[in-house]
């Protein structure tokens, strides 16, 4: 009897008001979760969005590299 290991799922959010579009998260994410958006935040930056949040594997590299603490990653319930 084999048990299939369930893949953990994550929700990734970028707080647009905090993002200064340094693109560190875009460069560091091997799964392509982030893309630079076209909309401007109140500070005038084209902030990053997590357009492919479903691809996140929960490595948390984006959280560690973001100098503005704009990224949050949350594990979704089964």
C-alpha atoms as a PDB file:
ATOM      1  CA  UNK A   1       0.000   0.000   0.000  1.00  0.00           C
ATOM      2  CA  UNK A   2       1.607   3.247  -1.099  1.00  0.00           C
ATOM      3  CA  UNK A   3       0.779   6.558   0.409  1.00  0.00           C
ATOM      4  CA  UNK A   4       0.890   9.549  -1.856  1.00  0.00           C
ATOM      5  CA  UNK A   5       2.542  12.528  -0.225  1.00  0.00           C
ATOM      6  CA  UNK A   6       0.409  15.629  -0.638  1.00  0.00           C
ATOM      7  CA  UNK A   7       2.159  18.629  -2.070  1.00  0.00           C
ATOM      8  CA  UNK A   8       1.976  21.602   0.256  1.00  0.00           C
ATOM      9  CA  UNK A   9       0.340  24.669  -1.218  1.00  0.00           C
ATOM     10  CA  UNK A  10       1.214  28.270  -0.470  1.00  0.00           C
ATOM     11  CA  UNK A  11      -0.288  31.698  -0.901  1.00  0.00           C
ATOM     12  CA  UNK A  12       2.137  34.477  -1.789  1.00  0.00           C
ATOM     13  CA  UNK A  13       1.266  38.132  -1.329  1.00  0.00           C
ATOM     14  CA  UNK A  14       3.173  41.325  -2.076  1.00  0.00           C
ATOM     15  CA  UNK A  15       2.159  44.426  -0.129  1.00  0.00           C
ATOM     16  CA  UNK A  16       2.079  46.957  -2.956  1.00  0.00           C
ATOM     17  CA  UNK A  17       2.498  49.952  -0.640  1.00  0.00           C
ATOM     18  CA  UNK A  18       5.786  48.565   0.696  1.00  0.00           C
ATOM     19  CA  UNK A  19       7.285  47.329  -2.590  1.00  0.00           C
ATOM     20  CA  UNK A  20       9.978  49.520  -4.168  1.00  0.00           C
ATOM     21  CA  UNK A  21      10.355  47.324  -7.262  1.00  0.00           C
ATOM     22  CA  UNK A  22      13.932  46.248  -6.542  1.00  0.00           C
ATOM     23  CA  UNK A  23      13.047  42.951  -8.284  1.00  0.00           C
ATOM     24  CA  UNK A  24      15.129  40.852  -5.868  1.00  0.00           C
ATOM     25  CA  UNK A  25      12.178  38.504  -5.405  1.00  0.00           C
ATOM     26  CA  UNK A  26      11.755  38.154  -9.165  1.00  0.00           C
ATOM     27  CA  UNK A  27      15.440  37.299  -9.610  1.00  0.00           C
ATOM     28  CA  UNK A  28      15.631  34.904  -6.656  1.00  0.00           C
ATOM     29  CA  UNK A  29      12.470  32.859  -7.295  1.00  0.00           C
ATOM     30  CA  UNK A  30      13.261  29.678  -9.237  1.00  0.00           C
ATOM     31  CA  UNK A  31       9.545  28.991  -9.745  1.00  0.00           C
ATOM     32  CA  UNK A  32       8.660  32.261 -11.489  1.00  0.00           C
ATOM     33  CA  UNK A  33       6.080  33.300  -8.908  1.00  0.00           C
ATOM     34  CA  UNK A  34       6.727  37.045  -9.269  1.00  0.00           C
ATOM     35  CA  UNK A  35       6.449  39.545 -12.094  1.00  0.00           C
ATOM     36  CA  UNK A  36       6.833  43.288 -12.185  1.00  0.00           C
ATOM     37  CA  UNK A  37       3.457  44.910 -12.583  1.00  0.00           C
ATOM     38  CA  UNK A  38       2.429  47.928 -14.608  1.00  0.00           C
ATOM     39  CA  UNK A  39       0.415  49.690 -11.904  1.00  0.00           C
ATOM     40  CA  UNK A  40       2.053  52.287  -9.686  1.00  0.00           C
ATOM     41  CA  UNK A  41       1.923  52.304  -5.903  1.00  0.00           C
ATOM     42  CA  UNK A  42       1.592  55.587  -3.935  1.00  0.00           C
ATOM     43  CA  UNK A  43       5.384  56.019  -4.013  1.00  0.00           C
ATOM     44  CA  UNK A  44       5.429  55.795  -7.821  1.00  0.00           C
ATOM     45  CA  UNK A  45       6.979  52.323  -8.172  1.00  0.00           C
ATOM     46  CA  UNK A  46       5.733  49.652 -10.579  1.00  0.00           C
ATOM     47  CA  UNK A  47       5.351  47.152  -7.762  1.00  0.00           C
ATOM     48  CA  UNK A  48       5.842  43.397  -8.055  1.00  0.00           C
ATOM     49  CA  UNK A  49       2.911  40.998  -7.989  1.00  0.00           C
ATOM     50  CA  UNK A  50       2.751  37.272  -7.230  1.00  0.00           C
ATOM     51  CA  UNK A  51       1.014  36.247 -10.439  1.00  0.00           C
ATOM     52  CA  UNK A  52       1.903  32.560 -10.170  1.00  0.00           C
ATOM     53  CA  UNK A  53       1.390  32.016  -6.448  1.00  0.00           C
ATOM     54  CA  UNK A  54       0.324  28.409  -7.085  1.00  0.00           C
ATOM     55  CA  UNK A  55       3.870  27.557  -8.201  1.00  0.00           C
ATOM     56  CA  UNK A  56       5.358  28.460  -4.801  1.00  0.00           C
ATOM     57  CA  UNK A  57       7.129  25.617  -2.989  1.00  0.00           C
ATOM     58  CA  UNK A  58       7.555  27.486   0.296  1.00  0.00           C
ATOM     59  CA  UNK A  59      11.332  27.970   0.230  1.00  0.00           C
ATOM     60  CA  UNK A  60      10.889  31.496   1.667  1.00  0.00           C
ATOM     61  CA  UNK A  61      13.846  32.918  -0.251  1.00  0.00           C
ATOM     62  CA  UNK A  62      11.681  35.857  -1.327  1.00  0.00           C
ATOM     63  CA  UNK A  63      10.919  36.785   2.274  1.00  0.00           C
ATOM     64  CA  UNK A  64      14.595  36.718   3.207  1.00  0.00           C
ATOM     65  CA  UNK A  65      15.734  38.778   0.243  1.00  0.00           C
ATOM     66  CA  UNK A  66      13.063  41.506   0.288  1.00  0.00           C
ATOM     67  CA  UNK A  67      14.610  44.607   1.902  1.00  0.00           C
ATOM     68  CA  UNK A  68      11.186  46.184   2.456  1.00  0.00           C
ATOM     69  CA  UNK A  69       9.405  43.203   4.087  1.00  0.00           C
ATOM     70  CA  UNK A  70       6.765  43.407   1.362  1.00  0.00           C
ATOM     71  CA  UNK A  71       6.413  39.648   0.734  1.00  0.00           C
ATOM     72  CA  UNK A  72       4.424  37.193   2.809  1.00  0.00           C
ATOM     73  CA  UNK A  73       4.088  33.450   2.245  1.00  0.00           C
ATOM     74  CA  UNK A  74       1.389  31.433   3.974  1.00  0.00           C
ATOM     75  CA  UNK A  75       0.793  27.702   3.858  1.00  0.00           C
ATOM     76  CA  UNK A  76      -2.705  26.870   2.668  1.00  0.00           C
ATOM     77  CA  UNK A  77      -4.752  24.243   4.513  1.00  0.00           C
ATOM     78  CA  UNK A  78      -5.265  20.846   2.856  1.00  0.00           C
END
